[in-house]
């Protein structure tokens, strides 16, 4: 797979994918196909959506609550999954830290 010009360097994209692959709630939704037969594809779309959110937010301050809302909404609408174990907040925090590290590495 090739990426187009202007996209984030692989470490951020890979980091997002890795974090999502370690998220038990999301992995359970994928394995049980709670989002339908294309649950794996939907998880890839979620990773792309997160990457796009980070890239489009260059001029604005990123808000942890916005990312948490995106994750919650995506799981609810895409995977018919309501996660209330605190993992959405944990994953959002980890994603924000990953993004901060990526931005510092670019400077």
PDB file of N, CA and C in Angstrom:
ATOM      1  N   UNK A   1       0.832  -1.173   0.000  1.00  0.00           N
ATOM      2  CA  UNK A   1       0.000   0.000   0.000  1.00  0.00           C
ATOM      3  C   UNK A   1       0.879   1.239   0.000  1.00  0.00           C
ATOM      4  N   UNK A   2       0.549   2.194  -0.806  1.00  0.00           N
ATOM      5  CA  UNK A   2       1.322   3.426  -0.849  1.00  0.00           C
ATOM      6  C   UNK A   2       0.479   4.556  -0.297  1.00  0.00           C
ATOM      7  N   UNK A   3       1.173   5.561   0.237  1.00  0.00           N
ATOM      8  CA  UNK A   3       0.427   6.695   0.762  1.00  0.00           C
ATOM      9  C   UNK A   3       0.682   7.893  -0.124  1.00  0.00           C
ATOM     10  N   UNK A   4      -0.301   8.754  -0.181  1.00  0.00           N
ATOM     11  CA  UNK A   4      -0.210   9.922  -1.036  1.00  0.00           C
ATOM     12  C   UNK A   4       0.645  11.011  -0.424  1.00  0.00           C
ATOM     13  N   UNK A   5       0.989  11.984  -1.216  1.00  0.00           N
ATOM     14  CA  UNK A   5       1.797  13.102  -0.742  1.00  0.00           C
ATOM     15  C   UNK A   5       1.033  13.884   0.309  1.00  0.00           C
ATOM     16  N   UNK A   6       1.761  14.384   1.299  1.00  0.00           N
ATOM     17  CA  UNK A   6       1.147  15.200   2.324  1.00  0.00           C
ATOM     18  C   UNK A   6       0.584  14.421   3.494  1.00  0.00           C
ATOM     19  N   UNK A   7       0.634  13.103   3.436  1.00  0.00           N
ATOM     20  CA  UNK A   7       0.131  12.313   4.549  1.00  0.00           C
ATOM     21  C   UNK A   7       1.177  12.249   5.653  1.00  0.00           C
ATOM     22  N   UNK A   8       0.736  11.835   6.830  1.00  0.00           N
ATOM     23  CA  UNK A   8       1.644  11.742   7.969  1.00  0.00           C
ATOM     24  C   UNK A   8       2.692  10.671   7.716  1.00  0.00           C
ATOM     25  N   UNK A   9       3.853  10.849   8.277  1.00  0.00           N
ATOM     26  CA  UNK A   9       4.877   9.809   8.161  1.00  0.00           C
ATOM     27  C   UNK A   9       4.378   8.507   8.783  1.00  0.00           C
ATOM     28  N   UNK A  10       4.908   7.385   8.352  1.00  0.00           N
ATOM     29  CA  UNK A  10       4.441   6.091   8.846  1.00  0.00           C
ATOM     30  C   UNK A  10       4.406   5.931  10.365  1.00  0.00           C
ATOM     31  N   UNK A  11       5.338   6.495  11.139  1.00  0.00           N
ATOM     32  CA  UNK A  11       5.286   6.232  12.581  1.00  0.00           C
ATOM     33  C   UNK A  11       3.962   6.600  13.238  1.00  0.00           C
ATOM     34  N   UNK A  12       3.344   7.709  12.859  1.00  0.00           N
ATOM     35  CA  UNK A  12       2.070   8.088  13.464  1.00  0.00           C
ATOM     36  C   UNK A  12       0.976   7.115  13.046  1.00  0.00           C
ATOM     37  N   UNK A  13       0.921   6.818  11.757  1.00  0.00           N
ATOM     38  CA  UNK A  13      -0.094   5.878  11.266  1.00  0.00           C
ATOM     39  C   UNK A  13       0.105   4.500  11.891  1.00  0.00           C
ATOM     40  N   UNK A  14       1.345   4.043  11.923  1.00  0.00           N
ATOM     41  CA  UNK A  14       1.634   2.738  12.521  1.00  0.00           C
ATOM     42  C   UNK A  14       1.306   2.730  14.009  1.00  0.00           C
ATOM     43  N   UNK A  15       1.612   3.832  14.680  1.00  0.00           N
ATOM     44  CA  UNK A  15       1.323   3.927  16.102  1.00  0.00           C
ATOM     45  C   UNK A  15      -0.163   3.846  16.392  1.00  0.00           C
ATOM     46  N   UNK A  16      -0.954   4.542  15.575  1.00  0.00           N
ATOM     47  CA  UNK A  16      -2.412   4.499  15.732  1.00  0.00           C
ATOM     48  C   UNK A  16      -2.908   3.075  15.531  1.00  0.00           C
ATOM     49  N   UNK A  17      -2.448   2.428  14.475  1.00  0.00           N
ATOM     50  CA  UNK A  17      -2.858   1.047  14.182  1.00  0.00           C
ATOM     51  C   UNK A  17      -2.476   0.108  15.322  1.00  0.00           C
ATOM     52  N   UNK A  18      -1.268   0.282  15.844  1.00  0.00           N
ATOM     53  CA  UNK A  18      -0.807  -0.569  16.942  1.00  0.00           C
ATOM     54  C   UNK A  18      -1.656  -0.370  18.189  1.00  0.00           C
ATOM     55  N   UNK A  19      -1.929   0.891  18.534  1.00  0.00           N
ATOM     56  CA  UNK A  19      -2.752   1.160  19.711  1.00  0.00           C
ATOM     57  C   UNK A  19      -4.138   0.542  19.565  1.00  0.00           C
ATOM     58  N   UNK A  20      -4.736   0.694  18.398  1.00  0.00           N
ATOM     59  CA  UNK A  20      -6.070   0.129  18.191  1.00  0.00           C
ATOM     60  C   UNK A  20      -6.045  -1.396  18.232  1.00  0.00           C
ATOM     61  N   UNK A  21      -4.944  -1.993  17.771  1.00  0.00           N
ATOM     62  CA  UNK A  21      -4.850  -3.453  17.769  1.00  0.00           C
ATOM     63  C   UNK A  21      -4.713  -4.017  19.188  1.00  0.00           C
ATOM     64  N   UNK A  22      -4.318  -3.168  20.128  1.00  0.00           N
ATOM     65  CA  UNK A  22      -4.168  -3.602  21.530  1.00  0.00           C
ATOM     66  C   UNK A  22      -5.399  -3.285  22.373  1.00  0.00           C
ATOM     67  N   UNK A  23      -6.373  -2.634  21.779  1.00  0.00           N
ATOM     68  CA  UNK A  23      -7.579  -2.228  22.504  1.00  0.00           C
ATOM     69  C   UNK A  23      -8.558  -3.399  22.535  1.00  0.00           C
ATOM     70  N   UNK A  24      -8.700  -4.004  23.703  1.00  0.00           N
ATOM     71  CA  UNK A  24      -9.515  -5.214  23.837  1.00  0.00           C
ATOM     72  C   UNK A  24     -10.959  -5.011  23.400  1.00  0.00           C
ATOM     73  N   UNK A  25     -11.555  -3.889  23.766  1.00  0.00           N
ATOM     74  CA  UNK A  25     -12.950  -3.637  23.399  1.00  0.00           C
ATOM     75  C   UNK A  25     -13.156  -3.613  21.897  1.00  0.00           C
ATOM     76  N   UNK A  26     -12.263  -2.921  21.194  1.00  0.00           N
ATOM     77  CA  UNK A  26     -12.361  -2.865  19.730  1.00  0.00           C
ATOM     78  C   UNK A  26     -12.077  -4.229  19.116  1.00  0.00           C
ATOM     79  N   UNK A  27     -11.064  -4.909  19.622  1.00  0.00           N
ATOM     80  CA  UNK A  27     -10.721  -6.217  19.063  1.00  0.00           C
ATOM     81  C   UNK A  27     -11.854  -7.227  19.265  1.00  0.00           C
ATOM     82  N   UNK A  28     -12.551  -7.138  20.397  1.00  0.00           N
ATOM     83  CA  UNK A  28     -13.689  -8.022  20.636  1.00  0.00           C
ATOM     84  C   UNK A  28     -14.801  -7.732  19.630  1.00  0.00           C
ATOM     85  N   UNK A  29     -15.028  -6.444  19.363  1.00  0.00           N
ATOM     86  CA  UNK A  29     -16.055  -6.057  18.380  1.00  0.00           C
ATOM     87  C   UNK A  29     -15.701  -6.567  16.992  1.00  0.00           C
ATOM     88  N   UNK A  30     -14.409  -6.523  16.647  1.00  0.00           N
ATOM     89  CA  UNK A  30     -13.967  -7.001  15.336  1.00  0.00           C
ATOM     90  C   UNK A  30     -14.115  -8.519  15.246  1.00  0.00           C
ATOM     91  N   UNK A  31     -13.603  -9.221  16.246  1.00  0.00           N
ATOM     92  CA  UNK A  31     -13.629 -10.689  16.222  1.00  0.00           C
ATOM     93  C   UNK A  31     -15.045 -11.244  16.202  1.00  0.00           C
ATOM     94  N   UNK A  32     -15.955 -10.577  16.887  1.00  0.00           N
ATOM     95  CA  UNK A  32     -17.339 -11.047  16.936  1.00  0.00           C
ATOM     96  C   UNK A  32     -18.207 -10.453  15.824  1.00  0.00           C
ATOM     97  N   UNK A  33     -17.550  -9.655  14.954  1.00  0.00           N
ATOM     98  CA  UNK A  33     -18.222  -9.032  13.813  1.00  0.00           C
ATOM     99  C   UNK A  33     -19.454  -8.234  14.232  1.00  0.00           C
ATOM    100  N   UNK A  34     -19.314  -7.482  15.337  1.00  0.00           N
ATOM    101  CA  UNK A  34     -20.426  -6.650  15.793  1.00  0.00           C
ATOM    102  C   UNK A  34     -20.704  -5.525  14.811  1.00  0.00           C
ATOM    103  N   UNK A  35     -19.750  -5.242  13.944  1.00  0.00           N
ATOM    104  CA  UNK A  35     -19.951  -4.233  12.913  1.00  0.00           C
ATOM    105  C   UNK A  35     -20.298  -4.846  11.580  1.00  0.00           C
ATOM    106  N   UNK A  36     -20.584  -6.135  11.576  1.00  0.00           N
ATOM    107  CA  UNK A  36     -20.887  -6.847  10.342  1.00  0.00           C
ATOM    108  C   UNK A  36     -19.654  -7.567   9.811  1.00  0.00           C
ATOM    109  N   UNK A  37     -19.816  -8.157   8.637  1.00  0.00           N
ATOM    110  CA  UNK A  37     -18.724  -8.932   8.039  1.00  0.00           C
ATOM    111  C   UNK A  37     -17.499  -8.089   7.722  1.00  0.00           C
ATOM    112  N   UNK A  38     -17.706  -6.803   7.525  1.00  0.00           N
ATOM    113  CA  UNK A  38     -16.586  -5.925   7.190  1.00  0.00           C
ATOM    114  C   UNK A  38     -16.038  -5.199   8.421  1.00  0.00           C
ATOM    115  N   UNK A  39     -16.131  -5.822   9.583  1.00  0.00           N
ATOM    116  CA  UNK A  39     -15.647  -5.212  10.824  1.00  0.00           C
ATOM    117  C   UNK A  39     -14.156  -4.887  10.770  1.00  0.00           C
ATOM    118  N   UNK A  40     -13.373  -5.750  10.152  1.00  0.00           N
ATOM    119  CA  UNK A  40     -11.931  -5.482  10.050  1.00  0.00           C
ATOM    120  C   UNK A  40     -11.709  -4.216   9.224  1.00  0.00           C
ATOM    121  N   UNK A  41     -12.400  -4.116   8.100  1.00  0.00           N
ATOM    122  CA  UNK A  41     -12.280  -2.920   7.257  1.00  0.00           C
ATOM    123  C   UNK A  41     -12.725  -1.681   8.016  1.00  0.00           C
ATOM    124  N   UNK A  42     -13.775  -1.809   8.809  1.00  0.00           N
ATOM    125  CA  UNK A  42     -14.259  -0.674   9.592  1.00  0.00           C
ATOM    126  C   UNK A  42     -13.226  -0.241  10.627  1.00  0.00           C
ATOM    127  N   UNK A  43     -12.467  -1.186  11.173  1.00  0.00           N
ATOM    128  CA  UNK A  43     -11.421  -0.814  12.130  1.00  0.00           C
ATOM    129  C   UNK A  43     -10.296  -0.068  11.423  1.00  0.00           C
ATOM    130  N   UNK A  44      -9.989  -0.453  10.186  1.00  0.00           N
ATOM    131  CA  UNK A  44      -8.988   0.268   9.398  1.00  0.00           C
ATOM    132  C   UNK A  44      -9.483   1.690   9.096  1.00  0.00           C
ATOM    133  N   UNK A  45     -10.772   1.813   8.836  1.00  0.00           N
ATOM    134  CA  UNK A  45     -11.355   3.135   8.576  1.00  0.00           C
ATOM    135  C   UNK A  45     -11.267   4.004   9.827  1.00  0.00           C
ATOM    136  N   UNK A  46     -11.478   3.408  10.997  1.00  0.00           N
ATOM    137  CA  UNK A  46     -11.359   4.160  12.246  1.00  0.00           C
ATOM    138  C   UNK A  46      -9.938   4.697  12.411  1.00  0.00           C
ATOM    139  N   UNK A  47      -8.942   3.860  12.122  1.00  0.00           N
ATOM    140  CA  UNK A  47      -7.545   4.302  12.199  1.00  0.00           C
ATOM    141  C   UNK A  47      -7.300   5.455  11.229  1.00  0.00           C
ATOM    142  N   UNK A  48      -7.840   5.357  10.027  1.00  0.00           N
ATOM    143  CA  UNK A  48      -7.692   6.430   9.032  1.00  0.00           C
ATOM    144  C   UNK A  48      -8.394   7.704   9.489  1.00  0.00           C
ATOM    145  N   UNK A  49      -9.558   7.547  10.092  1.00  0.00           N
ATOM    146  CA  UNK A  49     -10.297   8.710  10.588  1.00  0.00           C
ATOM    147  C   UNK A  49      -9.522   9.427  11.690  1.00  0.00           C
ATOM    148  N   UNK A  50      -8.901   8.658  12.573  1.00  0.00           N
ATOM    149  CA  UNK A  50      -8.102   9.257  13.649  1.00  0.00           C
ATOM    150  C   UNK A  50      -6.907   9.992  13.064  1.00  0.00           C
ATOM    151  N   UNK A  51      -6.230   9.371  12.107  1.00  0.00           N
ATOM    152  CA  UNK A  51      -5.090  10.004  11.449  1.00  0.00           C
ATOM    153  C   UNK A  51      -5.531  11.307  10.780  1.00  0.00           C
ATOM    154  N   UNK A  52      -6.643  11.276  10.073  1.00  0.00           N
ATOM    155  CA  UNK A  52      -7.161  12.476   9.412  1.00  0.00           C
ATOM    156  C   UNK A  52      -7.492  13.557  10.424  1.00  0.00           C
ATOM    157  N   UNK A  53      -8.066  13.160  11.561  1.00  0.00           N
ATOM    158  CA  UNK A  53      -8.411  14.122  12.608  1.00  0.00           C
ATOM    159  C   UNK A  53      -7.159  14.827  13.103  1.00  0.00           C
ATOM    160  N   UNK A  54      -6.097  14.061  13.330  1.00  0.00           N
ATOM    161  CA  UNK A  54      -4.841  14.665  13.769  1.00  0.00           C
ATOM    162  C   UNK A  54      -4.285  15.612  12.702  1.00  0.00           C
ATOM    163  N   UNK A  55      -4.314  15.188  11.457  1.00  0.00           N
ATOM    164  CA  UNK A  55      -3.745  16.002  10.375  1.00  0.00           C
ATOM    165  C   UNK A  55      -4.556  17.264  10.112  1.00  0.00           C
ATOM    166  N   UNK A  56      -5.868  17.188  10.225  1.00  0.00           N
ATOM    167  CA  UNK A  56      -6.725  18.342   9.959  1.00  0.00           C
ATOM    168  C   UNK A  56      -6.725  19.326  11.126  1.00  0.00           C
ATOM    169  N   UNK A  57      -6.195  18.903  12.261  1.00  0.00           N
ATOM    170  CA  UNK A  57      -6.234  19.734  13.461  1.00  0.00           C
ATOM    171  C   UNK A  57      -4.955  20.529  13.661  1.00  0.00           C
ATOM    172  N   UNK A  58      -4.146  20.668  12.618  1.00  0.00           N
ATOM    173  CA  UNK A  58      -2.865  21.364  12.755  1.00  0.00           C
ATOM    174  C   UNK A  58      -3.020  22.796  13.247  1.00  0.00           C
ATOM    175  N   UNK A  59      -4.034  23.506  12.767  1.00  0.00           N
ATOM    176  CA  UNK A  59      -4.204  24.904  13.133  1.00  0.00           C
ATOM    177  C   UNK A  59      -4.978  25.084  14.428  1.00  0.00           C
ATOM    178  N   UNK A  60      -5.615  24.050  14.897  1.00  0.00           N
ATOM    179  CA  UNK A  60      -6.428  24.169  16.100  1.00  0.00           C
ATOM    180  C   UNK A  60      -5.827  23.348  17.231  1.00  0.00           C
ATOM    181  N   UNK A  61      -6.250  23.668  18.433  1.00  0.00           N
ATOM    182  CA  UNK A  61      -5.803  22.927  19.595  1.00  0.00           C
ATOM    183  C   UNK A  61      -6.598  21.618  19.649  1.00  0.00           C
ATOM    184  N   UNK A  62      -5.880  20.526  19.809  1.00  0.00           N
ATOM    185  CA  UNK A  62      -6.550  19.231  19.899  1.00  0.00           C
ATOM    186  C   UNK A  62      -7.173  19.081  21.281  1.00  0.00           C
ATOM    187  N   UNK A  63      -8.369  18.579  21.296  1.00  0.00           N
ATOM    188  CA  UNK A  63      -9.100  18.419  22.545  1.00  0.00           C
ATOM    189  C   UNK A  63      -9.309  16.928  22.811  1.00  0.00           C
ATOM    190  N   UNK A  64      -8.834  16.475  23.964  1.00  0.00           N
ATOM    191  CA  UNK A  64      -8.962  15.066  24.331  1.00  0.00           C
ATOM    192  C   UNK A  64     -10.412  14.618  24.311  1.00  0.00           C
ATOM    193  N   UNK A  65     -11.304  15.472  24.802  1.00  0.00           N
ATOM    194  CA  UNK A  65     -12.724  15.119  24.850  1.00  0.00           C
ATOM    195  C   UNK A  65     -13.301  14.909  23.447  1.00  0.00           C
ATOM    196  N   UNK A  66     -12.814  15.685  22.476  1.00  0.00           N
ATOM    197  CA  UNK A  66     -13.277  15.505  21.092  1.00  0.00           C
ATOM    198  C   UNK A  66     -12.864  14.137  20.556  1.00  0.00           C
ATOM    199  N   UNK A  67     -11.645  13.736  20.872  1.00  0.00           N
ATOM    200  CA  UNK A  67     -11.162  12.428  20.419  1.00  0.00           C
ATOM    201  C   UNK A  67     -11.942  11.316  21.112  1.00  0.00           C
ATOM    202  N   UNK A  68     -12.187  11.471  22.409  1.00  0.00           N
ATOM    203  CA  UNK A  68     -12.995  10.483  23.130  1.00  0.00           C
ATOM    204  C   UNK A  68     -14.382  10.365  22.512  1.00  0.00           C
ATOM    205  N   UNK A  69     -14.978  11.496  22.171  1.00  0.00           N
ATOM    206  CA  UNK A  69     -16.308  11.487  21.546  1.00  0.00           C
ATOM    207  C   UNK A  69     -16.280  10.782  20.199  1.00  0.00           C
ATOM    208  N   UNK A  70     -15.215  11.028  19.418  1.00  0.00           N
ATOM    209  CA  UNK A  70     -15.094  10.368  18.123  1.00  0.00           C
ATOM    210  C   UNK A  70     -15.007   8.852  18.298  1.00  0.00           C
ATOM    211  N   UNK A  71     -14.197   8.407  19.241  1.00  0.00           N
ATOM    212  CA  UNK A  71     -14.047   6.965  19.473  1.00  0.00           C
ATOM    213  C   UNK A  71     -15.365   6.362  19.945  1.00  0.00           C
ATOM    214  N   UNK A  72     -16.012   7.028  20.890  1.00  0.00           N
ATOM    215  CA  UNK A  72     -17.283   6.531  21.429  1.00  0.00           C
ATOM    216  C   UNK A  72     -18.330   6.431  20.315  1.00  0.00           C
ATOM    217  N   UNK A  73     -18.451   7.486  19.528  1.00  0.00           N
ATOM    218  CA  UNK A  73     -19.439   7.519  18.451  1.00  0.00           C
ATOM    219  C   UNK A  73     -19.142   6.452  17.395  1.00  0.00           C
ATOM    220  N   UNK A  74     -17.877   6.296  17.055  1.00  0.00           N
ATOM    221  CA  UNK A  74     -17.499   5.308  16.053  1.00  0.00           C
ATOM    222  C   UNK A  74     -17.844   3.897  16.525  1.00  0.00           C
ATOM    223  N   UNK A  75     -17.526   3.595  17.764  1.00  0.00           N
ATOM    224  CA  UNK A  75     -17.840   2.261  18.276  1.00  0.00           C
ATOM    225  C   UNK A  75     -19.340   2.021  18.338  1.00  0.00           C
ATOM    226  N   UNK A  76     -20.064   3.038  18.754  1.00  0.00           N
ATOM    227  CA  UNK A  76     -21.506   2.896  18.877  1.00  0.00           C
ATOM    228  C   UNK A  76     -22.172   2.740  17.513  1.00  0.00           C
ATOM    229  N   UNK A  77     -21.821   3.621  16.575  1.00  0.00           N
ATOM    230  CA  UNK A  77     -22.485   3.612  15.273  1.00  0.00           C
ATOM    231  C   UNK A  77     -21.939   2.547  14.315  1.00  0.00           C
ATOM    232  N   UNK A  78     -20.635   2.302  14.368  1.00  0.00           N
ATOM    233  CA  UNK A  78     -20.011   1.391  13.413  1.00  0.00           C
ATOM    234  C   UNK A  78     -20.032  -0.059  13.890  1.00  0.00           C
ATOM    235  N   UNK A  79     -19.831  -0.236  15.204  1.00  0.00           N
ATOM    236  CA  UNK A  79     -19.735  -1.597  15.741  1.00  0.00           C
ATOM    237  C   UNK A  79     -20.884  -1.957  16.682  1.00  0.00           C
ATOM    238  N   UNK A  80     -21.860  -1.064  16.815  1.00  0.00           N
ATOM    239  CA  UNK A  80     -22.984  -1.312  17.727  1.00  0.00           C
ATOM    240  C   UNK A  80     -22.486  -1.707  19.111  1.00  0.00           C
ATOM    241  N   UNK A  81     -21.438  -1.008  19.561  1.00  0.00           N
ATOM    242  CA  UNK A  81     -20.762  -1.370  20.801  1.00  0.00           C
ATOM    243  C   UNK A  81     -20.702  -0.182  21.745  1.00  0.00           C
ATOM    244  N   UNK A  82     -21.147  -0.402  22.956  1.00  0.00           N
ATOM    245  CA  UNK A  82     -21.088   0.603  24.008  1.00  0.00           C
ATOM    246  C   UNK A  82     -20.019   0.145  24.996  1.00  0.00           C
ATOM    247  N   UNK A  83     -18.930   0.900  25.084  1.00  0.00           N
ATOM    248  CA  UNK A  83     -17.832   0.532  25.980  1.00  0.00           C
ATOM    249  C   UNK A  83     -17.824   1.502  27.154  1.00  0.00           C
ATOM    250  N   UNK A  84     -17.982   0.957  28.351  1.00  0.00           N
ATOM    251  CA  UNK A  84     -18.047   1.798  29.543  1.00  0.00           C
ATOM    252  C   UNK A  84     -17.014   1.385  30.583  1.00  0.00           C
ATOM    253  N   UNK A  85     -15.923   0.777  30.131  1.00  0.00           N
ATOM    254  CA  UNK A  85     -14.900   0.302  31.069  1.00  0.00           C
ATOM    255  C   UNK A  85     -13.757   1.292  31.256  1.00  0.00           C
ATOM    256  N   UNK A  86     -13.898   2.485  30.692  1.00  0.00           N
ATOM    257  CA  UNK A  86     -12.849   3.490  30.798  1.00  0.00           C
ATOM    258  C   UNK A  86     -11.777   3.369  29.729  1.00  0.00           C
ATOM    259  N   UNK A  87     -11.880   2.358  28.869  1.00  0.00           N
ATOM    260  CA  UNK A  87     -10.833   2.152  27.868  1.00  0.00           C
ATOM    261  C   UNK A  87     -10.868   3.205  26.761  1.00  0.00           C
ATOM    262  N   UNK A  88     -12.029   3.777  26.476  1.00  0.00           N
ATOM    263  CA  UNK A  88     -12.087   4.831  25.459  1.00  0.00           C
ATOM    264  C   UNK A  88     -11.208   5.994  25.894  1.00  0.00           C
ATOM    265  N   UNK A  89     -11.331   6.386  27.150  1.00  0.00           N
ATOM    266  CA  UNK A  89     -10.530   7.487  27.675  1.00  0.00           C
ATOM    267  C   UNK A  89      -9.042   7.141  27.673  1.00  0.00           C
ATOM    268  N   UNK A  90      -8.727   5.906  28.041  1.00  0.00           N
ATOM    269  CA  UNK A  90      -7.324   5.469  28.055  1.00  0.00           C
ATOM    270  C   UNK A  90      -6.734   5.478  26.642  1.00  0.00           C
ATOM    271  N   UNK A  91      -7.470   4.939  25.686  1.00  0.00           N
ATOM    272  CA  UNK A  91      -6.989   4.887  24.306  1.00  0.00           C
ATOM    273  C   UNK A  91      -6.844   6.302  23.757  1.00  0.00           C
ATOM    274  N   UNK A  92      -7.794   7.174  24.052  1.00  0.00           N
ATOM    275  CA  UNK A  92      -7.716   8.561  23.584  1.00  0.00           C
ATOM    276  C   UNK A  92      -6.469   9.247  24.152  1.00  0.00           C
ATOM    277  N   UNK A  93      -6.193   9.032  25.436  1.00  0.00           N
ATOM    278  CA  UNK A  93      -4.993   9.616  26.050  1.00  0.00           C
ATOM    279  C   UNK A  93      -3.734   9.092  25.377  1.00  0.00           C
ATOM    280  N   UNK A  94      -3.678   7.791  25.128  1.00  0.00           N
ATOM    281  CA  UNK A  94      -2.512   7.194  24.481  1.00  0.00           C
ATOM    282  C   UNK A  94      -2.329   7.741  23.066  1.00  0.00           C
ATOM    283  N   UNK A  95      -3.433   7.919  22.349  1.00  0.00           N
ATOM    284  CA  UNK A  95      -3.360   8.471  21.000  1.00  0.00           C
ATOM    285  C   UNK A  95      -2.846   9.914  21.024  1.00  0.00           C
ATOM    286  N   UNK A  96      -3.318  10.688  21.996  1.00  0.00           N
ATOM    287  CA  UNK A  96      -2.858  12.081  22.110  1.00  0.00           C
ATOM    288  C   UNK A  96      -1.361  12.123  22.425  1.00  0.00           C
ATOM    289  N   UNK A  97      -0.906  11.247  23.320  1.00  0.00           N
ATOM    290  CA  UNK A  97       0.526  11.189  23.640  1.00  0.00           C
ATOM    291  C   UNK A  97       1.337  10.797  22.415  1.00  0.00           C
ATOM    292  N   UNK A  98       0.836   9.831  21.674  1.00  0.00           N
ATOM    293  CA  UNK A  98       1.505   9.402  20.448  1.00  0.00           C
ATOM    294  C   UNK A  98       1.628  10.571  19.472  1.00  0.00           C
ATOM    295  N   UNK A  99       0.561  11.326  19.323  1.00  0.00           N
ATOM    296  CA  UNK A  99       0.569  12.478  18.425  1.00  0.00           C
ATOM    297  C   UNK A  99       1.568  13.532  18.906  1.00  0.00           C
ATOM    298  N   UNK A 100       1.582  13.805  20.213  1.00  0.00           N
ATOM    299  CA  UNK A 100       2.530  14.785  20.763  1.00  0.00           C
ATOM    300  C   UNK A 100       3.976  14.346  20.498  1.00  0.00           C
ATOM    301  N   UNK A 101       4.259  13.077  20.729  1.00  0.00           N
ATOM    302  CA  UNK A 101       5.611  12.557  20.487  1.00  0.00           C
ATOM    303  C   UNK A 101       5.979  12.701  19.019  1.00  0.00           C
ATOM    304  N   UNK A 102       5.023  12.413  18.159  1.00  0.00           N
ATOM    305  CA  UNK A 102       5.256  12.524  16.712  1.00  0.00           C
ATOM    306  C   UNK A 102       5.561  13.975  16.338  1.00  0.00           C
ATOM    307  N   UNK A 103       4.801  14.908  16.899  1.00  0.00           N
ATOM    308  CA  UNK A 103       5.004  16.330  16.579  1.00  0.00           C
ATOM    309  C   UNK A 103       6.362  16.801  17.100  1.00  0.00           C
ATOM    310  N   UNK A 104       6.770  16.345  18.270  1.00  0.00           N
ATOM    311  CA  UNK A 104       8.071  16.726  18.823  1.00  0.00           C
ATOM    312  C   UNK A 104       9.201  16.162  17.987  1.00  0.00           C
ATOM    313  N   UNK A 105       9.009  14.955  17.481  1.00  0.00           N
ATOM    314  CA  UNK A 105      10.037  14.308  16.657  1.00  0.00           C
ATOM    315  C   UNK A 105      10.226  15.058  15.339  1.00  0.00           C
ATOM    316  N   UNK A 106       9.158  15.691  14.852  1.00  0.00           N
ATOM    317  CA  UNK A 106       9.235  16.434  13.593  1.00  0.00           C
ATOM    318  C   UNK A 106       9.992  17.745  13.764  1.00  0.00           C
ATOM    319  N   UNK A 107       9.966  18.316  14.982  1.00  0.00           N
ATOM    320  CA  UNK A 107      10.626  19.617  15.221  1.00  0.00           C
ATOM    321  C   UNK A 107      12.129  19.493  15.235  1.00  0.00           C
TER     322      UNK A 107
END
